[in-house]
C-alpha cells in the first residue's frame, strides 16, 4: 500500500519550502485518509495491483507538488480529478500498447507496398486472447517490452511516424503536417517501420 507518510519524510522534493508545518500535516492527514479508497478505486479500474499502486502514488505526489498551497477543503475534488486522469491515461497507454500486438499479428509479409498503412485495415485491438490468463498477460507484457526496445532502434523518421500514428493515434494527415512531409511519406515511413519491427521480432522467435 502507498504510504502517505513517506511524502512527509522528503519535504524538499515534495513540499514547497514556504509551507507551514500545520498545512503539511493537513495534506498528510488527507492523503492518509484517502489512500486505501483510492487504491481500491484504481485497482477496480485497471485490474492490476502494481499499476494501481503506481497510479495512486503518482496522483498523491501530483497533489502535493502542484496543489499543496490550496485550501484543504479543495483537496478531495482536486485529488479525485487527478486520480481519474491518471486512470484514464493508464487505460489509454494500455490500449495503444495492446494495439501494437494486434498490429503485428495482422501484419503480412505479402504486404510489401511502401505506402501501405496497416492501421487503415486494422478494425480494433482485441487483446483478450492474450491476457485471459496470468501466463498470457506475462507473455504479452514481455512482447510489448521487446517491441519498445526495437522501436528505439528505428531510424528517426520511421520512429517518429510510427509513434505518432500508433502511440499518439494521429491520423495520416495530422502526422504529415507534424512531420512536414507528404501523406505518402508517412505511409512509407510507417510501412518500413512495421516491416523492420516484424523482422526483428521474428528473428527473436516472437511470432504473433
N, C-alpha and C. Protein backbone atom coordinates (compact mmCIF):
# COMPACT_ATOMS: atom_id res chain seq x y z
N UNK A 1 0.84 -1.19 0.00
CA UNK A 1 0.00 0.00 0.00
C UNK A 1 0.87 1.25 0.00
N UNK A 2 0.41 2.26 -0.70
CA UNK A 2 1.13 3.53 -0.72
C UNK A 2 1.11 4.12 0.67
N UNK A 3 2.24 4.60 1.12
CA UNK A 3 2.34 5.20 2.45
C UNK A 3 2.34 6.71 2.35
N UNK A 4 1.27 7.34 2.84
CA UNK A 4 1.17 8.79 2.77
C UNK A 4 2.29 9.45 3.54
N UNK A 5 2.69 8.84 4.67
CA UNK A 5 3.71 9.47 5.50
C UNK A 5 5.05 9.57 4.78
N UNK A 6 5.26 8.75 3.77
CA UNK A 6 6.52 8.79 3.03
C UNK A 6 6.73 10.14 2.37
N UNK A 7 5.64 10.81 2.06
CA UNK A 7 5.75 12.10 1.42
C UNK A 7 6.26 13.16 2.40
N UNK A 8 5.91 13.01 3.67
CA UNK A 8 6.33 13.98 4.67
C UNK A 8 7.83 13.86 4.93
N UNK A 9 8.38 12.68 4.72
CA UNK A 9 9.79 12.44 5.02
C UNK A 9 10.73 13.12 4.02
N UNK A 10 10.18 13.62 2.89
CA UNK A 10 11.03 14.24 1.88
C UNK A 10 10.52 15.65 1.57
N UNK A 11 10.55 16.56 2.53
CA UNK A 11 9.95 17.88 2.34
C UNK A 11 10.56 18.67 1.20
N UNK A 12 11.85 18.54 0.95
CA UNK A 12 12.48 19.37 -0.08
C UNK A 12 12.02 18.97 -1.47
N UNK A 13 11.74 17.68 -1.68
CA UNK A 13 11.37 17.23 -3.01
C UNK A 13 9.87 17.27 -3.25
N UNK A 14 9.07 17.28 -2.21
CA UNK A 14 7.62 17.20 -2.37
C UNK A 14 6.93 18.51 -1.98
N UNK A 15 7.33 19.10 -0.87
CA UNK A 15 6.62 20.26 -0.37
C UNK A 15 7.29 21.55 -0.80
N UNK A 16 6.50 22.58 -0.95
CA UNK A 16 7.06 23.91 -1.18
C UNK A 16 7.81 24.34 0.08
N UNK A 17 8.93 25.01 -0.10
CA UNK A 17 9.78 25.35 1.04
C UNK A 17 9.06 26.25 2.04
N UNK A 18 8.15 27.09 1.57
CA UNK A 18 7.50 28.01 2.48
C UNK A 18 6.27 27.45 3.16
N UNK A 19 6.00 26.16 2.95
CA UNK A 19 4.78 25.60 3.50
C UNK A 19 4.92 25.40 5.01
N UNK A 20 3.87 25.73 5.75
CA UNK A 20 3.91 25.65 7.20
C UNK A 20 3.75 24.21 7.66
N UNK A 21 4.18 23.96 8.90
CA UNK A 21 4.04 22.63 9.46
C UNK A 21 2.58 22.21 9.56
N UNK A 22 1.71 23.16 9.89
CA UNK A 22 0.29 22.83 10.04
C UNK A 22 -0.31 22.41 8.70
N UNK A 23 0.06 23.13 7.61
CA UNK A 23 -0.51 22.76 6.31
C UNK A 23 0.08 21.46 5.80
N UNK A 24 1.34 21.17 6.12
CA UNK A 24 1.92 19.88 5.77
C UNK A 24 1.13 18.77 6.46
N UNK A 25 0.83 18.98 7.70
CA UNK A 25 0.10 17.97 8.47
C UNK A 25 -1.29 17.75 7.87
N UNK A 26 -1.94 18.85 7.43
CA UNK A 26 -3.27 18.73 6.83
C UNK A 26 -3.22 17.89 5.56
N UNK A 27 -2.24 18.17 4.72
CA UNK A 27 -2.13 17.41 3.48
C UNK A 27 -1.78 15.95 3.77
N UNK A 28 -0.87 15.73 4.72
CA UNK A 28 -0.51 14.37 5.09
C UNK A 28 -1.73 13.60 5.62
N UNK A 29 -2.51 14.26 6.46
CA UNK A 29 -3.71 13.62 7.00
C UNK A 29 -4.70 13.30 5.89
N UNK A 30 -4.84 14.21 4.94
CA UNK A 30 -5.77 13.96 3.83
C UNK A 30 -5.32 12.75 3.01
N UNK A 31 -4.03 12.71 2.67
CA UNK A 31 -3.52 11.59 1.87
C UNK A 31 -3.70 10.27 2.60
N UNK A 32 -3.44 10.29 3.90
CA UNK A 32 -3.60 9.07 4.69
C UNK A 32 -5.05 8.62 4.72
N UNK A 33 -5.98 9.58 4.67
CA UNK A 33 -7.41 9.24 4.76
C UNK A 33 -7.97 8.69 3.46
N UNK A 34 -7.32 9.00 2.33
CA UNK A 34 -7.89 8.59 1.04
C UNK A 34 -7.10 7.49 0.34
N UNK A 35 -5.91 7.15 0.84
CA UNK A 35 -5.05 6.23 0.09
C UNK A 35 -5.69 4.87 -0.14
N UNK A 36 -6.33 4.29 0.87
CA UNK A 36 -6.92 2.96 0.70
C UNK A 36 -8.08 2.99 -0.28
N UNK A 37 -8.95 3.98 -0.17
CA UNK A 37 -10.08 4.08 -1.10
C UNK A 37 -9.58 4.34 -2.52
N UNK A 38 -8.57 5.19 -2.63
CA UNK A 38 -8.03 5.49 -3.95
C UNK A 38 -7.42 4.25 -4.59
N UNK A 39 -6.71 3.44 -3.77
CA UNK A 39 -6.12 2.21 -4.28
C UNK A 39 -7.19 1.26 -4.78
N UNK A 40 -8.25 1.08 -4.00
CA UNK A 40 -9.34 0.19 -4.42
C UNK A 40 -9.97 0.70 -5.71
N UNK A 41 -10.17 2.00 -5.78
CA UNK A 41 -10.77 2.59 -6.98
C UNK A 41 -9.90 2.34 -8.20
N UNK A 42 -8.61 2.56 -8.05
CA UNK A 42 -7.71 2.34 -9.17
C UNK A 42 -7.60 0.86 -9.52
N UNK A 43 -7.59 0.01 -8.50
CA UNK A 43 -7.47 -1.43 -8.75
C UNK A 43 -8.69 -1.96 -9.51
N UNK A 44 -9.87 -1.51 -9.14
CA UNK A 44 -11.07 -1.93 -9.86
C UNK A 44 -11.03 -1.45 -11.31
N UNK A 45 -10.45 -0.28 -11.53
CA UNK A 45 -10.43 0.29 -12.88
C UNK A 45 -9.41 -0.39 -13.78
N UNK A 46 -8.22 -0.67 -13.25
CA UNK A 46 -7.14 -1.19 -14.11
C UNK A 46 -6.88 -2.68 -13.92
N UNK A 47 -7.41 -3.26 -12.83
CA UNK A 47 -7.29 -4.70 -12.57
C UNK A 47 -5.83 -5.16 -12.54
N UNK A 48 -5.00 -4.33 -11.96
CA UNK A 48 -3.58 -4.65 -11.84
C UNK A 48 -3.08 -3.97 -10.58
N UNK A 49 -2.66 -4.76 -9.59
CA UNK A 49 -2.31 -4.20 -8.29
C UNK A 49 -1.14 -3.23 -8.37
N UNK A 50 -0.08 -3.63 -9.08
CA UNK A 50 1.09 -2.76 -9.15
C UNK A 50 0.77 -1.47 -9.90
N UNK A 51 0.01 -1.59 -11.00
CA UNK A 51 -0.37 -0.40 -11.75
C UNK A 51 -1.23 0.52 -10.89
N UNK A 52 -2.12 -0.07 -10.09
CA UNK A 52 -2.97 0.74 -9.21
C UNK A 52 -2.13 1.47 -8.17
N UNK A 53 -1.13 0.78 -7.61
CA UNK A 53 -0.23 1.43 -6.65
C UNK A 53 0.50 2.60 -7.29
N UNK A 54 0.99 2.39 -8.51
CA UNK A 54 1.70 3.45 -9.22
C UNK A 54 0.79 4.64 -9.48
N UNK A 55 -0.44 4.36 -9.89
CA UNK A 55 -1.40 5.42 -10.18
C UNK A 55 -1.69 6.25 -8.94
N UNK A 56 -1.91 5.58 -7.81
CA UNK A 56 -2.22 6.30 -6.57
C UNK A 56 -1.02 7.12 -6.12
N UNK A 57 0.17 6.52 -6.18
CA UNK A 57 1.35 7.26 -5.74
C UNK A 57 1.59 8.47 -6.64
N UNK A 58 1.44 8.28 -7.94
CA UNK A 58 1.60 9.40 -8.88
C UNK A 58 0.59 10.50 -8.57
N UNK A 59 -0.65 10.11 -8.29
CA UNK A 59 -1.71 11.09 -8.00
C UNK A 59 -1.44 11.84 -6.71
N UNK A 60 -0.99 11.13 -5.70
CA UNK A 60 -0.68 11.77 -4.42
C UNK A 60 0.48 12.75 -4.56
N UNK A 61 1.50 12.34 -5.30
CA UNK A 61 2.65 13.22 -5.49
C UNK A 61 2.27 14.45 -6.30
N UNK A 62 1.40 14.27 -7.28
CA UNK A 62 0.97 15.42 -8.09
C UNK A 62 0.17 16.40 -7.24
N UNK A 63 -0.69 15.89 -6.38
CA UNK A 63 -1.44 16.79 -5.50
C UNK A 63 -0.48 17.57 -4.61
N UNK A 64 0.50 16.87 -4.03
CA UNK A 64 1.45 17.53 -3.14
C UNK A 64 2.33 18.52 -3.90
N UNK A 65 2.72 18.14 -5.12
CA UNK A 65 3.60 19.01 -5.91
C UNK A 65 2.90 20.27 -6.40
N UNK A 66 1.69 20.09 -6.92
CA UNK A 66 1.02 21.18 -7.65
C UNK A 66 -0.01 21.95 -6.83
N UNK A 67 -0.62 21.30 -5.84
CA UNK A 67 -1.78 21.92 -5.21
C UNK A 67 -1.69 21.98 -3.69
N UNK A 68 -0.50 21.80 -3.13
CA UNK A 68 -0.39 21.77 -1.68
C UNK A 68 -0.73 23.10 -1.02
N UNK A 69 -0.67 24.19 -1.79
CA UNK A 69 -0.98 25.52 -1.23
C UNK A 69 -2.47 25.82 -1.25
N UNK A 70 -3.26 24.93 -1.90
CA UNK A 70 -4.70 25.19 -1.97
C UNK A 70 -5.35 24.87 -0.64
N UNK A 71 -6.53 25.47 -0.36
CA UNK A 71 -7.23 25.18 0.89
C UNK A 71 -7.54 23.68 1.02
N UNK A 72 -7.47 23.18 2.23
CA UNK A 72 -7.67 21.75 2.45
C UNK A 72 -9.04 21.30 1.99
N UNK A 73 -10.03 22.20 1.98
CA UNK A 73 -11.38 21.84 1.54
C UNK A 73 -11.43 21.50 0.05
N UNK A 74 -10.42 21.95 -0.70
CA UNK A 74 -10.39 21.67 -2.14
C UNK A 74 -9.68 20.36 -2.46
N UNK A 75 -9.01 19.77 -1.48
CA UNK A 75 -8.22 18.57 -1.74
C UNK A 75 -9.04 17.41 -2.32
N UNK A 76 -10.23 17.12 -1.75
CA UNK A 76 -10.98 15.96 -2.27
C UNK A 76 -11.29 16.08 -3.76
N UNK A 77 -11.80 17.23 -4.19
CA UNK A 77 -12.14 17.41 -5.60
C UNK A 77 -10.89 17.36 -6.48
N UNK A 78 -9.83 18.04 -6.05
CA UNK A 78 -8.60 18.07 -6.83
C UNK A 78 -7.99 16.68 -6.95
N UNK A 79 -7.95 15.95 -5.83
CA UNK A 79 -7.35 14.63 -5.86
C UNK A 79 -8.15 13.67 -6.73
N UNK A 80 -9.47 13.74 -6.64
CA UNK A 80 -10.29 12.85 -7.45
C UNK A 80 -10.10 13.12 -8.94
N UNK A 81 -9.97 14.40 -9.29
CA UNK A 81 -9.73 14.76 -10.69
C UNK A 81 -8.38 14.23 -11.16
N UNK A 82 -7.36 14.40 -10.33
CA UNK A 82 -6.02 13.90 -10.67
C UNK A 82 -6.04 12.39 -10.80
N UNK A 83 -6.69 11.70 -9.87
CA UNK A 83 -6.75 10.24 -9.88
C UNK A 83 -7.45 9.72 -11.13
N UNK A 84 -8.58 10.33 -11.47
CA UNK A 84 -9.32 9.88 -12.66
C UNK A 84 -8.52 10.12 -13.94
N UNK A 85 -7.83 11.24 -14.00
CA UNK A 85 -6.98 11.50 -15.17
C UNK A 85 -5.86 10.47 -15.27
N UNK A 86 -5.27 10.10 -14.14
CA UNK A 86 -4.20 9.11 -14.13
C UNK A 86 -4.72 7.74 -14.56
N UNK A 87 -5.92 7.38 -14.12
CA UNK A 87 -6.54 6.11 -14.52
C UNK A 87 -6.82 6.11 -16.02
N UNK A 88 -7.34 7.22 -16.53
CA UNK A 88 -7.62 7.30 -17.97
C UNK A 88 -6.33 7.25 -18.79
N UNK A 89 -5.31 7.93 -18.32
CA UNK A 89 -4.02 7.90 -19.03
C UNK A 89 -3.46 6.48 -19.07
N UNK A 90 -3.57 5.77 -17.95
CA UNK A 90 -3.09 4.38 -17.92
C UNK A 90 -3.89 3.53 -18.91
N UNK A 91 -5.21 3.71 -18.92
CA UNK A 91 -6.04 2.94 -19.84
C UNK A 91 -5.70 3.21 -21.29
N UNK A 92 -5.44 4.47 -21.60
CA UNK A 92 -5.08 4.82 -22.97
C UNK A 92 -3.74 4.19 -23.36
N UNK A 93 -2.75 4.28 -22.46
CA UNK A 93 -1.45 3.69 -22.76
C UNK A 93 -1.57 2.18 -22.96
N UNK A 94 -2.37 1.53 -22.10
CA UNK A 94 -2.54 0.09 -22.22
C UNK A 94 -3.22 -0.27 -23.54
N UNK A 95 -4.23 0.49 -23.91
CA UNK A 95 -4.95 0.22 -25.16
C UNK A 95 -4.02 0.36 -26.36
N UNK A 96 -3.24 1.45 -26.37
CA UNK A 96 -2.36 1.70 -27.50
C UNK A 96 -1.28 0.64 -27.59
N UNK A 97 -0.69 0.29 -26.45
CA UNK A 97 0.37 -0.72 -26.48
C UNK A 97 -0.18 -2.07 -26.89
N UNK A 98 -1.43 -2.38 -26.48
CA UNK A 98 -2.05 -3.63 -26.90
C UNK A 98 -2.34 -3.62 -28.39
N UNK A 99 -2.62 -2.44 -28.94
CA UNK A 99 -2.84 -2.33 -30.37
C UNK A 99 -1.61 -2.79 -31.14
N UNK A 100 -0.43 -2.55 -30.55
CA UNK A 100 0.80 -2.97 -31.24
C UNK A 100 0.82 -4.48 -31.44
N UNK A 101 0.31 -5.24 -30.45
CA UNK A 101 0.27 -6.70 -30.60
C UNK A 101 -0.65 -7.07 -31.76
N UNK A 102 -1.84 -6.44 -31.80
CA UNK A 102 -2.76 -6.70 -32.90
C UNK A 102 -2.18 -6.25 -34.23
N UNK A 103 -1.46 -5.14 -34.18
CA UNK A 103 -0.84 -4.61 -35.39
C UNK A 103 0.10 -5.62 -36.02
N UNK A 104 1.00 -6.17 -35.21
CA UNK A 104 1.96 -7.12 -35.75
C UNK A 104 1.34 -8.48 -36.02
N UNK A 105 0.25 -8.81 -35.31
CA UNK A 105 -0.46 -10.05 -35.60
C UNK A 105 -1.11 -9.96 -36.98
N UNK A 106 -1.62 -8.77 -37.32
CA UNK A 106 -2.31 -8.60 -38.59
C UNK A 106 -1.36 -8.39 -39.75
N UNK A 107 -0.10 -8.09 -39.44
CA UNK A 107 0.85 -7.78 -40.50
C UNK A 107 1.16 -9.02 -41.33
N UNK A 108 1.21 -8.83 -42.63
CA UNK A 108 1.53 -9.92 -43.55
C UNK A 108 2.73 -9.55 -44.38
N UNK A 109 3.65 -10.48 -44.54
CA UNK A 109 4.85 -10.21 -45.33
C UNK A 109 4.52 -9.99 -46.80
N UNK A 110 3.31 -10.40 -47.21
CA UNK A 110 2.93 -10.15 -48.60
C UNK A 110 2.62 -8.69 -48.86
N UNK A 111 2.36 -7.93 -47.78
CA UNK A 111 2.05 -6.51 -47.94
C UNK A 111 3.36 -5.74 -48.03
N UNK A 112 3.91 -5.63 -49.26
CA UNK A 112 5.22 -5.03 -49.40
C UNK A 112 5.18 -3.66 -50.07
N UNK A 113 3.98 -3.08 -50.22
CA UNK A 113 3.89 -1.74 -50.78
C UNK A 113 4.33 -0.73 -49.74
N UNK A 114 5.17 0.20 -50.15
CA UNK A 114 5.73 1.14 -49.17
C UNK A 114 4.72 2.14 -48.66
N UNK A 115 3.62 2.35 -49.41
CA UNK A 115 2.62 3.30 -48.91
C UNK A 115 1.46 2.59 -48.22
N UNK A 116 1.64 1.29 -47.96
CA UNK A 116 0.62 0.54 -47.23
C UNK A 116 0.62 0.95 -45.77
N UNK A 117 -0.56 1.25 -45.25
CA UNK A 117 -0.69 1.62 -43.84
C UNK A 117 -1.63 0.64 -43.17
N UNK A 118 -1.05 -0.22 -42.33
CA UNK A 118 -1.83 -1.31 -41.76
C UNK A 118 -2.94 -0.83 -40.84
N UNK A 119 -2.78 0.35 -40.24
CA UNK A 119 -3.80 0.85 -39.33
C UNK A 119 -5.12 1.09 -40.04
N UNK A 120 -5.07 1.33 -41.34
CA UNK A 120 -6.30 1.55 -42.09
C UNK A 120 -7.12 0.28 -42.24
N UNK A 121 -6.48 -0.89 -42.08
CA UNK A 121 -7.19 -2.15 -42.22
C UNK A 121 -7.40 -2.85 -40.89
N UNK A 122 -6.84 -2.28 -39.85
CA UNK A 122 -6.96 -2.88 -38.52
C UNK A 122 -8.21 -2.32 -37.86
N UNK A 123 -9.23 -3.16 -37.71
CA UNK A 123 -10.51 -2.67 -37.21
C UNK A 123 -10.46 -2.32 -35.74
N UNK A 124 -9.89 -3.18 -34.94
CA UNK A 124 -9.85 -2.91 -33.50
C UNK A 124 -8.78 -3.78 -32.87
N UNK A 125 -8.40 -3.36 -31.65
CA UNK A 125 -7.40 -4.13 -30.91
C UNK A 125 -8.09 -4.99 -29.87
N UNK A 126 -8.32 -6.26 -30.19
CA UNK A 126 -8.94 -7.17 -29.24
C UNK A 126 -7.84 -8.06 -28.68
N UNK A 127 -7.35 -7.71 -27.50
CA UNK A 127 -6.22 -8.45 -26.94
C UNK A 127 -6.66 -9.45 -25.88
N UNK A 128 -7.98 -9.75 -25.85
CA UNK A 128 -8.48 -10.62 -24.80
C UNK A 128 -7.82 -11.99 -24.85
N UNK A 129 -7.52 -12.47 -26.05
CA UNK A 129 -6.93 -13.80 -26.15
C UNK A 129 -5.51 -13.81 -25.61
N UNK A 130 -4.89 -12.64 -25.49
CA UNK A 130 -3.52 -12.56 -25.00
C UNK A 130 -3.46 -12.42 -23.48
N UNK A 131 -4.53 -11.95 -22.88
CA UNK A 131 -4.46 -11.59 -21.45
C UNK A 131 -5.51 -12.30 -20.61
N UNK A 132 -6.08 -13.41 -21.12
CA UNK A 132 -7.12 -14.07 -20.34
C UNK A 132 -6.56 -14.95 -19.25
N UNK A 133 -5.24 -15.12 -19.20
CA UNK A 133 -4.59 -15.88 -18.13
C UNK A 133 -3.37 -15.11 -17.66
N UNK A 134 -2.89 -15.36 -16.43
CA UNK A 134 -1.66 -14.69 -15.97
C UNK A 134 -0.49 -14.96 -16.89
N UNK A 135 -0.38 -16.20 -17.38
CA UNK A 135 0.72 -16.53 -18.29
C UNK A 135 0.60 -15.74 -19.59
N UNK A 136 -0.64 -15.64 -20.11
CA UNK A 136 -0.85 -14.88 -21.34
C UNK A 136 -0.52 -13.42 -21.15
N UNK A 137 -0.89 -12.87 -20.01
CA UNK A 137 -0.59 -11.47 -19.73
C UNK A 137 0.91 -11.25 -19.61
N UNK A 138 1.59 -12.19 -18.97
CA UNK A 138 3.05 -12.10 -18.83
C UNK A 138 3.70 -12.13 -20.21
N UNK A 139 3.27 -13.04 -21.08
CA UNK A 139 3.84 -13.14 -22.41
C UNK A 139 3.61 -11.86 -23.21
N UNK A 140 2.41 -11.30 -23.09
CA UNK A 140 2.13 -10.07 -23.82
C UNK A 140 3.00 -8.92 -23.32
N UNK A 141 3.16 -8.82 -22.01
CA UNK A 141 4.00 -7.76 -21.46
C UNK A 141 5.44 -7.90 -21.93
N UNK A 142 5.94 -9.14 -21.99
CA UNK A 142 7.29 -9.37 -22.47
C UNK A 142 7.42 -8.98 -23.95
N UNK A 143 6.39 -9.31 -24.73
CA UNK A 143 6.41 -8.96 -26.15
C UNK A 143 6.38 -7.46 -26.34
N UNK A 144 5.54 -6.78 -25.56
CA UNK A 144 5.46 -5.32 -25.66
C UNK A 144 6.78 -4.67 -25.27
N UNK A 145 7.43 -5.21 -24.25
CA UNK A 145 8.73 -4.67 -23.85
C UNK A 145 9.75 -4.83 -24.97
N UNK A 146 9.71 -5.98 -25.66
CA UNK A 146 10.63 -6.21 -26.77
C UNK A 146 10.33 -5.27 -27.94
N UNK A 147 9.04 -5.06 -28.22
CA UNK A 147 8.65 -4.13 -29.28
C UNK A 147 9.19 -2.74 -28.98
N UNK A 148 9.05 -2.30 -27.73
CA UNK A 148 9.52 -0.97 -27.35
C UNK A 148 11.04 -0.84 -27.51
N UNK A 149 11.76 -1.91 -27.18
CA UNK A 149 13.21 -1.87 -27.37
C UNK A 149 13.58 -1.76 -28.84
N UNK A 150 12.82 -2.46 -29.70
CA UNK A 150 13.11 -2.41 -31.13
C UNK A 150 12.72 -1.05 -31.73
N UNK A 151 11.67 -0.43 -31.19
CA UNK A 151 11.26 0.89 -31.68
C UNK A 151 12.40 1.90 -31.48
N UNK A 152 13.11 1.77 -30.36
CA UNK A 152 14.22 2.70 -30.09
C UNK A 152 15.32 2.60 -31.13
N UNK A 153 15.41 1.47 -31.82
CA UNK A 153 16.47 1.26 -32.81
C UNK A 153 16.09 1.75 -34.21
N UNK A 154 14.84 2.11 -34.41
CA UNK A 154 14.39 2.55 -35.73
C UNK A 154 15.07 3.85 -36.14
N UNK A 155 15.23 4.07 -37.46
CA UNK A 155 15.67 5.39 -37.93
C UNK A 155 14.71 6.46 -37.42
N UNK A 156 15.22 7.66 -37.22
CA UNK A 156 14.46 8.71 -36.54
C UNK A 156 13.11 8.99 -37.20
N UNK A 157 13.08 9.12 -38.53
CA UNK A 157 11.83 9.46 -39.21
C UNK A 157 10.82 8.32 -39.13
N UNK A 158 11.30 7.10 -39.23
CA UNK A 158 10.40 5.96 -39.10
C UNK A 158 9.82 5.89 -37.68
N UNK A 159 10.68 6.09 -36.71
CA UNK A 159 10.23 6.06 -35.31
C UNK A 159 9.22 7.17 -35.05
N UNK A 160 9.50 8.35 -35.59
CA UNK A 160 8.60 9.49 -35.40
C UNK A 160 7.23 9.21 -35.99
N UNK A 161 7.20 8.71 -37.22
CA UNK A 161 5.92 8.41 -37.89
C UNK A 161 5.18 7.30 -37.15
N UNK A 162 5.91 6.25 -36.78
CA UNK A 162 5.30 5.11 -36.11
C UNK A 162 4.64 5.54 -34.80
N UNK A 163 5.35 6.31 -33.99
CA UNK A 163 4.82 6.71 -32.69
C UNK A 163 3.65 7.68 -32.82
N UNK A 164 3.72 8.57 -33.80
CA UNK A 164 2.59 9.49 -34.00
C UNK A 164 1.33 8.73 -34.41
N UNK A 165 1.50 7.75 -35.30
CA UNK A 165 0.34 7.01 -35.79
C UNK A 165 -0.18 6.02 -34.75
N UNK A 166 0.73 5.26 -34.13
CA UNK A 166 0.30 4.13 -33.32
C UNK A 166 0.40 4.36 -31.82
N UNK A 167 0.98 5.49 -31.40
CA UNK A 167 1.01 5.84 -29.98
C UNK A 167 0.13 7.05 -29.72
N UNK A 168 0.35 8.12 -30.49
CA UNK A 168 -0.46 9.32 -30.31
C UNK A 168 -1.82 9.21 -30.98
N UNK A 169 -1.99 8.17 -31.83
CA UNK A 169 -3.24 7.92 -32.55
C UNK A 169 -3.63 9.08 -33.46
N UNK A 170 -2.61 9.73 -34.03
CA UNK A 170 -2.85 10.79 -35.01
C UNK A 170 -3.16 10.16 -36.36
N UNK A 171 -4.03 10.81 -37.15
CA UNK A 171 -4.29 10.26 -38.47
C UNK A 171 -3.17 10.65 -39.43
N UNK A 172 -3.27 10.16 -40.67
CA UNK A 172 -2.17 10.35 -41.61
C UNK A 172 -1.96 11.84 -41.91
N UNK A 173 -3.05 12.57 -42.09
CA UNK A 173 -2.93 13.99 -42.42
C UNK A 173 -2.28 14.76 -41.27
N UNK A 174 -2.68 14.46 -40.03
CA UNK A 174 -2.09 15.13 -38.87
C UNK A 174 -0.61 14.80 -38.74
N UNK A 175 -0.28 13.54 -38.97
CA UNK A 175 1.12 13.12 -38.87
C UNK A 175 1.96 13.80 -39.93
N UNK A 176 1.42 13.86 -41.15
CA UNK A 176 2.15 14.51 -42.25
C UNK A 176 2.40 15.97 -41.94
N UNK A 177 1.39 16.65 -41.40
CA UNK A 177 1.55 18.07 -41.05
C UNK A 177 2.60 18.25 -39.96
N UNK A 178 2.57 17.38 -38.96
CA UNK A 178 3.52 17.49 -37.85
C UNK A 178 4.95 17.20 -38.30
N UNK A 179 5.10 16.28 -39.25
CA UNK A 179 6.43 15.90 -39.71
C UNK A 179 6.93 16.77 -40.87
N UNK A 180 6.02 17.57 -41.45
CA UNK A 180 6.40 18.41 -42.57
C UNK A 180 6.71 17.61 -43.82
N UNK A 181 5.90 16.57 -44.07
CA UNK A 181 6.11 15.75 -45.26
C UNK A 181 4.76 15.38 -45.86
N UNK A 182 4.76 14.63 -46.95
CA UNK A 182 3.51 14.24 -47.60
C UNK A 182 2.87 13.06 -46.86
N UNK A 183 1.58 12.86 -47.14
CA UNK A 183 0.89 11.73 -46.53
C UNK A 183 1.48 10.42 -47.04
N UNK A 184 1.90 10.40 -48.30
CA UNK A 184 2.53 9.20 -48.84
C UNK A 184 3.82 8.86 -48.11
N UNK A 185 4.57 9.89 -47.73
CA UNK A 185 5.80 9.65 -46.98
C UNK A 185 5.51 9.08 -45.60
N UNK A 186 4.44 9.54 -44.99
CA UNK A 186 4.05 9.00 -43.68
C UNK A 186 3.76 7.51 -43.81
N UNK A 187 3.00 7.14 -44.84
CA UNK A 187 2.68 5.72 -45.05
C UNK A 187 3.94 4.91 -45.30
N UNK A 188 4.86 5.49 -46.07
CA UNK A 188 6.12 4.79 -46.36
C UNK A 188 6.92 4.57 -45.09
N UNK A 189 7.06 5.62 -44.27
CA UNK A 189 7.80 5.51 -43.02
C UNK A 189 7.16 4.47 -42.10
N UNK A 190 5.83 4.49 -42.01
CA UNK A 190 5.13 3.54 -41.13
C UNK A 190 5.29 2.11 -41.64
N UNK A 191 5.14 1.94 -42.95
CA UNK A 191 5.27 0.61 -43.53
C UNK A 191 6.66 0.05 -43.29
N UNK A 192 7.68 0.86 -43.53
CA UNK A 192 9.05 0.40 -43.32
C UNK A 192 9.30 0.07 -41.85
N UNK A 193 8.73 0.90 -40.97
CA UNK A 193 8.91 0.65 -39.54
C UNK A 193 8.28 -0.68 -39.14
N UNK A 194 7.07 -0.94 -39.63
CA UNK A 194 6.39 -2.19 -39.29
C UNK A 194 7.15 -3.37 -39.87
N UNK A 195 7.64 -3.27 -41.12
CA UNK A 195 8.45 -4.33 -41.71
C UNK A 195 9.68 -4.61 -40.84
N UNK A 196 10.37 -3.55 -40.46
CA UNK A 196 11.60 -3.69 -39.67
C UNK A 196 11.32 -4.31 -38.31
N UNK A 197 10.28 -3.83 -37.65
CA UNK A 197 9.94 -4.35 -36.34
C UNK A 197 9.48 -5.80 -36.42
N UNK A 198 8.68 -6.14 -37.42
CA UNK A 198 8.21 -7.50 -37.58
C UNK A 198 9.38 -8.45 -37.81
N UNK A 199 10.33 -8.04 -38.67
CA UNK A 199 11.50 -8.87 -38.93
C UNK A 199 12.34 -9.05 -37.67
N UNK A 200 12.47 -7.98 -36.89
CA UNK A 200 13.26 -8.05 -35.66
C UNK A 200 12.60 -9.01 -34.66
N UNK A 201 11.28 -8.96 -34.57
CA UNK A 201 10.58 -9.87 -33.65
C UNK A 201 10.71 -11.32 -34.11
N UNK A 202 10.56 -11.55 -35.43
CA UNK A 202 10.69 -12.92 -35.93
C UNK A 202 12.10 -13.46 -35.69
N UNK A 203 13.11 -12.59 -35.82
CA UNK A 203 14.47 -13.04 -35.60
C UNK A 203 14.72 -13.47 -34.16
N UNK A 204 13.87 -13.00 -33.25
CA UNK A 204 13.99 -13.37 -31.84
C UNK A 204 13.00 -14.47 -31.46
N UNK A 205 12.37 -15.04 -32.49
CA UNK A 205 11.45 -16.14 -32.25
C UNK A 205 10.08 -15.72 -31.76
N UNK A 206 9.75 -14.43 -31.92
CA UNK A 206 8.45 -13.94 -31.49
C UNK A 206 7.53 -13.90 -32.70
N UNK A 207 6.53 -14.77 -32.69
CA UNK A 207 5.55 -14.82 -33.78
C UNK A 207 4.19 -14.53 -33.18
N UNK A 208 3.57 -13.44 -33.63
CA UNK A 208 2.29 -13.02 -33.06
C UNK A 208 1.12 -13.51 -33.89
